[in-house]
Amino acid sequence: MKSKKKSNKFMSSVKVGAKGQIVIPKEVREMFGIEPGDTLMLLADSDKGIALQKYGIFSKIADAIFAGKAKEIYPEQSEEDSVAFAEKIKEIEANDNDSN
């Protein structure tokens, strides 16, 4: 599939390589300011699909949850589930820092 770019939107296809890797198209990396070495969070839900986001967004969410704002951010989730989510985010950060 050829890529299409329209203002702040982009559509393209990517192929999964033998090691399960994909290349994020240059236009998308530029659109979101993704640089070599950046950490991205991959979220997957069997019903909703796959999403990628820069790690910094989730770090801020985790910090807000730990600051007692879980119900403001995720009102439909229990406090315990929100804290578990925040702890997982920080665990990923710690593992990423250990590997550098």
PDB file of N, CA and C in Angstrom:
ATOM      1  N   MET A   1       0.855  -1.183   0.000  1.00  0.00           N
ATOM      2  CA  MET A   1       0.000   0.000   0.000  1.00  0.00           C
ATOM      3  C   MET A   1       0.893   1.234   0.000  1.00  0.00           C
ATOM      4  N   LYS A   2       0.597   2.151  -0.875  1.00  0.00           N
ATOM      5  CA  LYS A   2       1.335   3.408  -0.883  1.00  0.00           C
ATOM      6  C   LYS A   2       0.879   4.265   0.280  1.00  0.00           C
ATOM      7  N   SER A   3       1.790   5.092   0.741  1.00  0.00           N
ATOM      8  CA  SER A   3       1.444   5.952   1.866  1.00  0.00           C
ATOM      9  C   SER A   3       0.680   7.174   1.381  1.00  0.00           C
ATOM     10  N   LYS A   4      -0.168   7.669   2.275  1.00  0.00           N
ATOM     11  CA  LYS A   4      -0.932   8.881   1.992  1.00  0.00           C
ATOM     12  C   LYS A   4      -0.730   9.833   3.153  1.00  0.00           C
ATOM     13  N   LYS A   5      -0.481  11.083   2.841  1.00  0.00           N
ATOM     14  CA  LYS A   5      -0.282  12.089   3.871  1.00  0.00           C
ATOM     15  C   LYS A   5      -1.240  13.245   3.607  1.00  0.00           C
ATOM     16  N   LYS A   6      -1.967  13.629   4.631  1.00  0.00           N
ATOM     17  CA  LYS A   6      -2.874  14.766   4.515  1.00  0.00           C
ATOM     18  C   LYS A   6      -2.805  15.524   5.828  1.00  0.00           C
ATOM     19  N   SER A   7      -2.294  16.711   5.804  1.00  0.00           N
ATOM     20  CA  SER A   7      -2.114  17.578   6.971  1.00  0.00           C
ATOM     21  C   SER A   7      -1.502  16.814   8.138  1.00  0.00           C
ATOM     22  N   ASN A   8      -2.278  16.583   9.194  1.00  0.00           N
ATOM     23  CA  ASN A   8      -1.729  15.926  10.380  1.00  0.00           C
ATOM     24  C   ASN A   8      -2.119  14.447  10.439  1.00  0.00           C
ATOM     25  N   LYS A   9      -2.418  13.875   9.288  1.00  0.00           N
ATOM     26  CA  LYS A   9      -2.796  12.472   9.229  1.00  0.00           C
ATOM     27  C   LYS A   9      -1.867  11.742   8.273  1.00  0.00           C
ATOM     28  N   PHE A  10      -1.690  10.457   8.515  1.00  0.00           N
ATOM     29  CA  PHE A  10      -0.809   9.656   7.671  1.00  0.00           C
ATOM     30  C   PHE A  10      -1.309   8.229   7.669  1.00  0.00           C
ATOM     31  N   MET A  11      -1.278   7.585   6.499  1.00  0.00           N
ATOM     32  CA  MET A  11      -1.645   6.186   6.415  1.00  0.00           C
ATOM     33  C   MET A  11      -0.619   5.473   5.550  1.00  0.00           C
ATOM     34  N   SER A  12      -0.238   4.290   5.986  1.00  0.00           N
ATOM     35  CA  SER A  12       0.726   3.511   5.241  1.00  0.00           C
ATOM     36  C   SER A  12       0.617   2.070   5.689  1.00  0.00           C
ATOM     37  N   SER A  13       1.220   1.194   4.951  1.00  0.00           N
ATOM     38  CA  SER A  13       1.353  -0.182   5.412  1.00  0.00           C
ATOM     39  C   SER A  13       2.825  -0.412   5.741  1.00  0.00           C
ATOM     40  N   VAL A  14       3.069  -1.315   6.654  1.00  0.00           N
ATOM     41  CA  VAL A  14       4.428  -1.706   6.998  1.00  0.00           C
ATOM     42  C   VAL A  14       4.467  -3.227   7.027  1.00  0.00           C
ATOM     43  N   LYS A  15       5.614  -3.785   6.751  1.00  0.00           N
ATOM     44  CA  LYS A  15       5.772  -5.234   6.780  1.00  0.00           C
ATOM     45  C   LYS A  15       6.494  -5.634   8.060  1.00  0.00           C
ATOM     46  N   VAL A  16       6.087  -6.741   8.613  1.00  0.00           N
ATOM     47  CA  VAL A  16       6.745  -7.298   9.791  1.00  0.00           C
ATOM     48  C   VAL A  16       7.882  -8.170   9.299  1.00  0.00           C
ATOM     49  N   GLY A  17       9.097  -7.876   9.805  1.00  0.00           N
ATOM     50  CA  GLY A  17      10.265  -8.653   9.412  1.00  0.00           C
ATOM     51  C   GLY A  17      10.357  -9.979  10.149  1.00  0.00           C
ATOM     52  N   ALA A  18      11.365 -10.746   9.823  1.00  0.00           N
ATOM     53  CA  ALA A  18      11.557 -12.075  10.395  1.00  0.00           C
ATOM     54  C   ALA A  18      11.697 -12.048  11.914  1.00  0.00           C
ATOM     55  N   LYS A  19      12.212 -10.956  12.456  1.00  0.00           N
ATOM     56  CA  LYS A  19      12.375 -10.828  13.911  1.00  0.00           C
ATOM     57  C   LYS A  19      11.191 -10.116  14.553  1.00  0.00           C
ATOM     58  N   GLY A  20      10.097  -9.915  13.820  1.00  0.00           N
ATOM     59  CA  GLY A  20       8.920  -9.258  14.364  1.00  0.00           C
ATOM     60  C   GLY A  20       9.032  -7.745  14.394  1.00  0.00           C
ATOM     61  N   GLN A  21       9.994  -7.182  13.696  1.00  0.00           N
ATOM     62  CA  GLN A  21      10.206  -5.741  13.716  1.00  0.00           C
ATOM     63  C   GLN A  21       9.478  -5.056  12.565  1.00  0.00           C
ATOM     64  N   ILE A  22       9.115  -3.803  12.806  1.00  0.00           N
ATOM     65  CA  ILE A  22       8.559  -2.959  11.749  1.00  0.00           C
ATOM     66  C   ILE A  22       9.361  -1.665  11.707  1.00  0.00           C
ATOM     67  N   VAL A  23       9.295  -0.982  10.588  1.00  0.00           N
ATOM     68  CA  VAL A  23       9.913   0.331  10.448  1.00  0.00           C
ATOM     69  C   VAL A  23       8.802   1.366  10.532  1.00  0.00           C
ATOM     70  N   ILE A  24       8.968   2.328  11.414  1.00  0.00           N
ATOM     71  CA  ILE A  24       8.012   3.431  11.503  1.00  0.00           C
ATOM     72  C   ILE A  24       8.378   4.409  10.388  1.00  0.00           C
ATOM     73  N   PRO A  25       7.439   4.695   9.495  1.00  0.00           N
ATOM     74  CA  PRO A  25       7.765   5.576   8.370  1.00  0.00           C
ATOM     75  C   PRO A  25       8.321   6.935   8.822  1.00  0.00           C
ATOM     76  N   LYS A  26       9.221   7.467   8.015  1.00  0.00           N
ATOM     77  CA  LYS A  26       9.884   8.737   8.323  1.00  0.00           C
ATOM     78  C   LYS A  26       8.878   9.838   8.620  1.00  0.00           C
ATOM     79  N   GLU A  27       7.808   9.909   7.828  1.00  0.00           N
ATOM     80  CA  GLU A  27       6.820  10.958   8.015  1.00  0.00           C
ATOM     81  C   GLU A  27       6.175  10.880   9.397  1.00  0.00           C
ATOM     82  N   VAL A  28       5.945   9.670   9.872  1.00  0.00           N
ATOM     83  CA  VAL A  28       5.340   9.479  11.194  1.00  0.00           C
ATOM     84  C   VAL A  28       6.349   9.824  12.292  1.00  0.00           C
ATOM     85  N   ARG A  29       7.603   9.407  12.112  1.00  0.00           N
ATOM     86  CA  ARG A  29       8.634   9.765  13.103  1.00  0.00           C
ATOM     87  C   ARG A  29       8.757  11.275  13.212  1.00  0.00           C
ATOM     88  N   GLU A  30       8.733  11.966  12.080  1.00  0.00           N
ATOM     89  CA  GLU A  30       8.812  13.425  12.104  1.00  0.00           C
ATOM     90  C   GLU A  30       7.569  14.037  12.745  1.00  0.00           C
ATOM     91  N   MET A  31       6.401  13.513  12.413  1.00  0.00           N
ATOM     92  CA  MET A  31       5.140  14.029  12.940  1.00  0.00           C
ATOM     93  C   MET A  31       5.106  13.987  14.461  1.00  0.00           C
ATOM     94  N   PHE A  32       5.663  12.910  15.049  1.00  0.00           N
ATOM     95  CA  PHE A  32       5.609  12.722  16.496  1.00  0.00           C
ATOM     96  C   PHE A  32       6.943  12.982  17.196  1.00  0.00           C
ATOM     97  N   GLY A  33       7.924  13.456  16.451  1.00  0.00           N
ATOM     98  CA  GLY A  33       9.210  13.771  17.063  1.00  0.00           C
ATOM     99  C   GLY A  33       9.920  12.543  17.614  1.00  0.00           C
ATOM    100  N   ILE A  34       9.788  11.415  16.947  1.00  0.00           N
ATOM    101  CA  ILE A  34      10.432  10.175  17.399  1.00  0.00           C
ATOM    102  C   ILE A  34      11.848  10.141  16.864  1.00  0.00           C
ATOM    103  N   GLU A  35      12.788  10.018  17.785  1.00  0.00           N
ATOM    104  CA  GLU A  35      14.214  10.021  17.450  1.00  0.00           C
ATOM    105  C   GLU A  35      14.832   8.670  17.797  1.00  0.00           C
ATOM    106  N   PRO A  36      15.967   8.330  17.164  1.00  0.00           N
ATOM    107  CA  PRO A  36      16.654   7.089  17.542  1.00  0.00           C
ATOM    108  C   PRO A  36      16.936   7.069  19.044  1.00  0.00           C
ATOM    109  N   GLY A  37      16.673   5.945  19.668  1.00  0.00           N
ATOM    110  CA  GLY A  37      16.903   5.805  21.105  1.00  0.00           C
ATOM    111  C   GLY A  37      15.685   6.121  21.957  1.00  0.00           C
ATOM    112  N   ASP A  38      14.642   6.739  21.381  1.00  0.00           N
ATOM    113  CA  ASP A  38      13.417   7.011  22.139  1.00  0.00           C
ATOM    114  C   ASP A  38      12.768   5.696  22.559  1.00  0.00           C
ATOM    115  N   THR A  39      12.129   5.717  23.706  1.00  0.00           N
ATOM    116  CA  THR A  39      11.367   4.564  24.166  1.00  0.00           C
ATOM    117  C   THR A  39       9.906   4.792  23.828  1.00  0.00           C
ATOM    118  N   LEU A  40       9.304   3.799  23.203  1.00  0.00           N
ATOM    119  CA  LEU A  40       7.883   3.846  22.882  1.00  0.00           C
ATOM    120  C   LEU A  40       7.163   2.794  23.708  1.00  0.00           C
ATOM    121  N   MET A  41       5.941   3.084  24.079  1.00  0.00           N
ATOM    122  CA  MET A  41       5.096   2.121  24.774  1.00  0.00           C
ATOM    123  C   MET A  41       4.200   1.479  23.731  1.00  0.00           C
ATOM    124  N   LEU A  42       4.108   0.168  23.775  1.00  0.00           N
ATOM    125  CA  LEU A  42       3.200  -0.556  22.916  1.00  0.00           C
ATOM    126  C   LEU A  42       2.069  -1.073  23.790  1.00  0.00           C
ATOM    127  N   LEU A  43       0.851  -0.713  23.437  1.00  0.00           N
ATOM    128  CA  LEU A  43      -0.321  -1.193  24.152  1.00  0.00           C
ATOM    129  C   LEU A  43      -1.106  -2.072  23.195  1.00  0.00           C
ATOM    130  N   ALA A  44      -1.562  -3.216  23.687  1.00  0.00           N
ATOM    131  CA  ALA A  44      -2.318  -4.126  22.837  1.00  0.00           C
ATOM    132  C   ALA A  44      -3.562  -4.594  23.569  1.00  0.00           C
ATOM    133  N   ASP A  45      -4.654  -4.602  22.859  1.00  0.00           N
ATOM    134  CA  ASP A  45      -5.931  -5.083  23.367  1.00  0.00           C
ATOM    135  C   ASP A  45      -6.519  -5.934  22.251  1.00  0.00           C
ATOM    136  N   SER A  46      -6.866  -7.170  22.560  1.00  0.00           N
ATOM    137  CA  SER A  46      -7.333  -8.075  21.505  1.00  0.00           C
ATOM    138  C   SER A  46      -8.604  -7.575  20.824  1.00  0.00           C
ATOM    139  N   ASP A  47      -9.370  -6.725  21.483  1.00  0.00           N
ATOM    140  CA  ASP A  47     -10.576  -6.168  20.867  1.00  0.00           C
ATOM    141  C   ASP A  47     -10.326  -4.838  20.168  1.00  0.00           C
ATOM    142  N   LYS A  48      -9.441  -4.017  20.729  1.00  0.00           N
ATOM    143  CA  LYS A  48      -9.260  -2.651  20.233  1.00  0.00           C
ATOM    144  C   LYS A  48      -8.063  -2.479  19.310  1.00  0.00           C
ATOM    145  N   GLY A  49      -7.078  -3.383  19.367  1.00  0.00           N
ATOM    146  CA  GLY A  49      -5.932  -3.298  18.484  1.00  0.00           C
ATOM    147  C   GLY A  49      -4.652  -2.908  19.201  1.00  0.00           C
ATOM    148  N   ILE A  50      -3.708  -2.385  18.425  1.00  0.00           N
ATOM    149  CA  ILE A  50      -2.369  -2.043  18.912  1.00  0.00           C
ATOM    150  C   ILE A  50      -2.172  -0.536  18.791  1.00  0.00           C
ATOM    151  N   ALA A  51      -1.519   0.045  19.804  1.00  0.00           N
ATOM    152  CA  ALA A  51      -1.195   1.475  19.766  1.00  0.00           C
ATOM    153  C   ALA A  51       0.240   1.667  20.234  1.00  0.00           C
ATOM    154  N   LEU A  52       0.893   2.665  19.662  1.00  0.00           N
ATOM    155  CA  LEU A  52       2.239   3.072  20.076  1.00  0.00           C
ATOM    156  C   LEU A  52       2.178   4.511  20.548  1.00  0.00           C
ATOM    157  N   GLN A  53       2.922   4.811  21.597  1.00  0.00           N
ATOM    158  CA  GLN A  53       2.979   6.179  22.105  1.00  0.00           C
ATOM    159  C   GLN A  53       4.351   6.390  22.720  1.00  0.00           C
ATOM    160  N   LYS A  54       4.841   7.610  22.665  1.00  0.00           N
ATOM    161  CA  LYS A  54       6.126   7.911  23.298  1.00  0.00           C
ATOM    162  C   LYS A  54       6.004   7.661  24.800  1.00  0.00           C
ATOM    163  N   TYR A  55       7.058   7.125  25.382  1.00  0.00           N
ATOM    164  CA  TYR A  55       7.029   6.744  26.788  1.00  0.00           C
ATOM    165  C   TYR A  55       6.723   7.924  27.709  1.00  0.00           C
ATOM    166  N   GLY A  56       7.221   9.098  27.400  1.00  0.00           N
ATOM    167  CA  GLY A  56       7.065  10.262  28.276  1.00  0.00           C
ATOM    168  C   GLY A  56       5.617  10.552  28.633  1.00  0.00           C
ATOM    169  N   ILE A  57       4.707  10.309  27.727  1.00  0.00           N
ATOM    170  CA  ILE A  57       3.276  10.521  27.997  1.00  0.00           C
ATOM    171  C   ILE A  57       2.831   9.612  29.140  1.00  0.00           C
ATOM    172  N   PHE A  58       3.237   8.348  29.082  1.00  0.00           N
ATOM    173  CA  PHE A  58       2.826   7.392  30.107  1.00  0.00           C
ATOM    174  C   PHE A  58       3.524   7.637  31.430  1.00  0.00           C
ATOM    175  N   SER A  59       4.732   8.137  31.383  1.00  0.00           N
ATOM    176  CA  SER A  59       5.432   8.481  32.612  1.00  0.00           C
ATOM    177  C   SER A  59       4.679   9.574  33.367  1.00  0.00           C
ATOM    178  N   LYS A  60       4.178  10.561  32.622  1.00  0.00           N
ATOM    179  CA  LYS A  60       3.385  11.637  33.244  1.00  0.00           C
ATOM    180  C   LYS A  60       2.077  11.098  33.808  1.00  0.00           C
ATOM    181  N   ILE A  61       1.451  10.168  33.101  1.00  0.00           N
ATOM    182  CA  ILE A  61       0.216   9.546  33.602  1.00  0.00           C
ATOM    183  C   ILE A  61       0.502   8.803  34.897  1.00  0.00           C
ATOM    184  N   ALA A  62       1.590   8.025  34.925  1.00  0.00           N
ATOM    185  CA  ALA A  62       1.950   7.282  36.136  1.00  0.00           C
ATOM    186  C   ALA A  62       2.212   8.243  37.296  1.00  0.00           C
ATOM    187  N   ASP A  63       2.925   9.319  37.037  1.00  0.00           N
ATOM    188  CA  ASP A  63       3.203  10.298  38.092  1.00  0.00           C
ATOM    189  C   ASP A  63       1.902  10.883  38.648  1.00  0.00           C
ATOM    190  N   ALA A  64       0.948  11.180  37.761  1.00  0.00           N
ATOM    191  CA  ALA A  64      -0.337  11.729  38.210  1.00  0.00           C
ATOM    192  C   ALA A  64      -1.106  10.712  39.045  1.00  0.00           C
ATOM    193  N   ILE A  65      -1.070   9.444  38.640  1.00  0.00           N
ATOM    194  CA  ILE A  65      -1.745   8.399  39.420  1.00  0.00           C
ATOM    195  C   ILE A  65      -1.132   8.302  40.802  1.00  0.00           C
ATOM    196  N   PHE A  66       0.199   8.294  40.869  1.00  0.00           N
ATOM    197  CA  PHE A  66       0.873   8.209  42.166  1.00  0.00           C
ATOM    198  C   PHE A  66       0.617   9.460  43.011  1.00  0.00           C
ATOM    199  N   ALA A  67       0.268  10.570  42.374  1.00  0.00           N
ATOM    200  CA  ALA A  67      -0.038  11.813  43.094  1.00  0.00           C
ATOM    201  C   ALA A  67      -1.497  11.854  43.553  1.00  0.00           C
ATOM    202  N   GLY A  68      -2.218  10.743  43.384  1.00  0.00           N
ATOM    203  CA  GLY A  68      -3.591  10.663  43.865  1.00  0.00           C
ATOM    204  C   GLY A  68      -4.645  11.109  42.872  1.00  0.00           C
ATOM    205  N   LYS A  69      -4.288  11.211  41.600  1.00  0.00           N
ATOM    206  CA  LYS A  69      -5.240  11.692  40.594  1.00  0.00           C
ATOM    207  C   LYS A  69      -5.788  10.574  39.717  1.00  0.00           C
ATOM    208  N   ALA A  70      -5.748   9.342  40.198  1.00  0.00           N
ATOM    209  CA  ALA A  70      -6.181   8.199  39.395  1.00  0.00           C
ATOM    210  C   ALA A  70      -7.619   8.336  38.931  1.00  0.00           C
ATOM    211  N   LYS A  71      -8.510   8.741  39.806  1.00  0.00           N
ATOM    212  CA  LYS A  71      -9.935   8.852  39.445  1.00  0.00           C
ATOM    213  C   LYS A  71     -10.179   9.954  38.429  1.00  0.00           C
ATOM    214  N   GLU A  72      -9.336  10.996  38.427  1.00  0.00           N
ATOM    215  CA  GLU A  72      -9.469  12.056  37.432  1.00  0.00           C
ATOM    216  C   GLU A  72      -9.052  11.562  36.045  1.00  0.00           C
ATOM    217  N   ILE A  73      -8.039  10.703  36.015  1.00  0.00           N
ATOM    218  CA  ILE A  73      -7.493  10.224  34.751  1.00  0.00           C
ATOM    219  C   ILE A  73      -8.314   9.065  34.201  1.00  0.00           C
ATOM    220  N   TYR A  74      -8.601   8.085  35.054  1.00  0.00           N
ATOM    221  CA  TYR A  74      -9.339   6.888  34.653  1.00  0.00           C
ATOM    222  C   TYR A  74     -10.492   6.646  35.616  1.00  0.00           C
ATOM    223  N   PRO A  75     -11.567   7.436  35.516  1.00  0.00           N
ATOM    224  CA  PRO A  75     -12.669   7.319  36.483  1.00  0.00           C
ATOM    225  C   PRO A  75     -13.362   5.961  36.471  1.00  0.00           C
ATOM    226  N   GLU A  76     -13.292   5.241  35.353  1.00  0.00           N
ATOM    227  CA  GLU A  76     -13.973   3.957  35.272  1.00  0.00           C
ATOM    228  C   GLU A  76     -13.168   2.803  35.888  1.00  0.00           C
ATOM    229  N   GLN A  77     -11.904   3.071  36.211  1.00  0.00           N
ATOM    230  CA  GLN A  77     -11.034   2.040  36.777  1.00  0.00           C
ATOM    231  C   GLN A  77     -10.961   2.168  38.289  1.00  0.00           C
ATOM    232  N   SER A  78     -10.714   1.034  38.945  1.00  0.00           N
ATOM    233  CA  SER A  78     -10.518   1.084  40.393  1.00  0.00           C
ATOM    234  C   SER A  78      -9.162   1.722  40.688  1.00  0.00           C
ATOM    235  N   GLU A  79      -9.039   2.253  41.883  1.00  0.00           N
ATOM    236  CA  GLU A  79      -7.763   2.845  42.316  1.00  0.00           C
ATOM    237  C   GLU A  79      -6.645   1.803  42.223  1.00  0.00           C
ATOM    238  N   GLU A  80      -6.941   0.584  42.628  1.00  0.00           N
ATOM    239  CA  GLU A  80      -5.939  -0.495  42.615  1.00  0.00           C
ATOM    240  C   GLU A  80      -5.472  -0.791  41.188  1.00  0.00           C
ATOM    241  N   ASP A  81      -6.418  -0.841  40.233  1.00  0.00           N
ATOM    242  CA  ASP A  81      -6.035  -1.099  38.849  1.00  0.00           C
ATOM    243  C   ASP A  81      -5.190   0.042  38.284  1.00  0.00           C
ATOM    244  N   SER A  82      -5.545   1.265  38.622  1.00  0.00           N
ATOM    245  CA  SER A  82      -4.776   2.414  38.138  1.00  0.00           C
ATOM    246  C   SER A  82      -3.362   2.407  38.705  1.00  0.00           C
ATOM    247  N   VAL A  83      -3.233   2.094  39.990  1.00  0.00           N
ATOM    248  CA  VAL A  83      -1.908   2.037  40.606  1.00  0.00           C
ATOM    249  C   VAL A  83      -1.094   0.900  39.999  1.00  0.00           C
ATOM    250  N   ALA A  84      -1.723  -0.251  39.746  1.00  0.00           N
ATOM    251  CA  ALA A  84      -1.011  -1.372  39.119  1.00  0.00           C
ATOM    252  C   ALA A  84      -0.506  -0.972  37.730  1.00  0.00           C
ATOM    253  N   PHE A  85      -1.331  -0.220  36.990  1.00  0.00           N
ATOM    254  CA  PHE A  85      -0.946   0.282  35.675  1.00  0.00           C
ATOM    255  C   PHE A  85       0.260   1.214  35.798  1.00  0.00           C
ATOM    256  N   ALA A  86       0.205   2.132  36.743  1.00  0.00           N
ATOM    257  CA  ALA A  86       1.300   3.082  36.959  1.00  0.00           C
ATOM    258  C   ALA A  86       2.577   2.356  37.372  1.00  0.00           C
ATOM    259  N   GLU A  87       2.446   1.353  38.221  1.00  0.00           N
ATOM    260  CA  GLU A  87       3.622   0.580  38.649  1.00  0.00           C
ATOM    261  C   GLU A  87       4.257  -0.140  37.469  1.00  0.00           C
ATOM    262  N   LYS A  88       3.432  -0.681  36.567  1.00  0.00           N
ATOM    263  CA  LYS A  88       3.954  -1.366  35.378  1.00  0.00           C
ATOM    264  C   LYS A  88       4.698  -0.373  34.484  1.00  0.00           C
ATOM    265  N   ILE A  89       4.163   0.831  34.337  1.00  0.00           N
ATOM    266  CA  ILE A  89       4.839   1.857  33.540  1.00  0.00           C
ATOM    267  C   ILE A  89       6.218   2.157  34.115  1.00  0.00           C
ATOM    268  N   LYS A  90       6.292   2.349  35.415  1.00  0.00           N
ATOM    269  CA  LYS A  90       7.576   2.660  36.056  1.00  0.00           C
ATOM    270  C   LYS A  90       8.527   1.466  35.999  1.00  0.00           C
ATOM    271  N   GLU A  91       7.985   0.253  36.034  1.00  0.00           N
ATOM    272  CA  GLU A  91       8.814  -0.950  35.908  1.00  0.00           C
ATOM    273  C   GLU A  91       9.459  -0.998  34.522  1.00  0.00           C
ATOM    274  N   ILE A  92       8.685  -0.652  33.506  1.00  0.00           N
ATOM    275  CA  ILE A  92       9.220  -0.607  32.144  1.00  0.00           C
ATOM    276  C   ILE A  92      10.323   0.436  32.049  1.00  0.00           C
ATOM    277  N   GLU A  93      10.113   1.583  32.672  1.00  0.00           N
ATOM    278  CA  GLU A  93      11.136   2.637  32.677  1.00  0.00           C
ATOM    279  C   GLU A  93      12.408   2.144  33.347  1.00  0.00           C
ATOM    280  N   ALA A  94      12.265   1.482  34.488  1.00  0.00           N
ATOM    281  CA  ALA A  94      13.433   0.980  35.224  1.00  0.00           C
ATOM    282  C   ALA A  94      14.184  -0.063  34.388  1.00  0.00           C
ATOM    283  N   ASN A  95      13.452  -0.953  33.735  1.00  0.00           N
ATOM    284  CA  ASN A  95      14.087  -1.969  32.892  1.00  0.00           C
ATOM    285  C   ASN A  95      14.792  -1.333  31.714  1.00  0.00           C
ATOM    286  N   ASP A  96      14.182  -0.289  31.151  1.00  0.00           N
ATOM    287  CA  ASP A  96      14.793   0.400  30.017  1.00  0.00           C
ATOM    288  C   ASP A  96      16.080   1.098  30.462  1.00  0.00           C
ATOM    289  N   ASN A  97      16.063   1.704  31.635  1.00  0.00           N
ATOM    290  CA  ASN A  97      17.255   2.379  32.148  1.00  0.00           C
ATOM    291  C   ASN A  97      18.357   1.382  32.488  1.00  0.00           C
ATOM    292  N   ASP A  98      17.991   0.196  32.958  1.00  0.00           N
ATOM    293  CA  ASP A  98      18.975  -0.840  33.270  1.00  0.00           C
ATOM    294  C   ASP A  98      19.671  -1.354  32.017  1.00  0.00           C
ATOM    295  N   SER A  99      18.952  -1.366  30.883  1.00  0.00           N
ATOM    296  CA  SER A  99      19.520  -1.897  29.659  1.00  0.00           C
ATOM    297  C   SER A  99      20.396  -0.887  28.936  1.00  0.00           C
ATOM    298  N   ASN A 100      20.386   0.375  29.370  1.00  0.00           N
ATOM    299  CA  ASN A 100      21.211   1.417  28.724  1.00  0.00           C
ATOM    300  C   ASN A 100      22.553   1.543  29.382  1.00  0.00           C
TER     301      ASN A 100
END
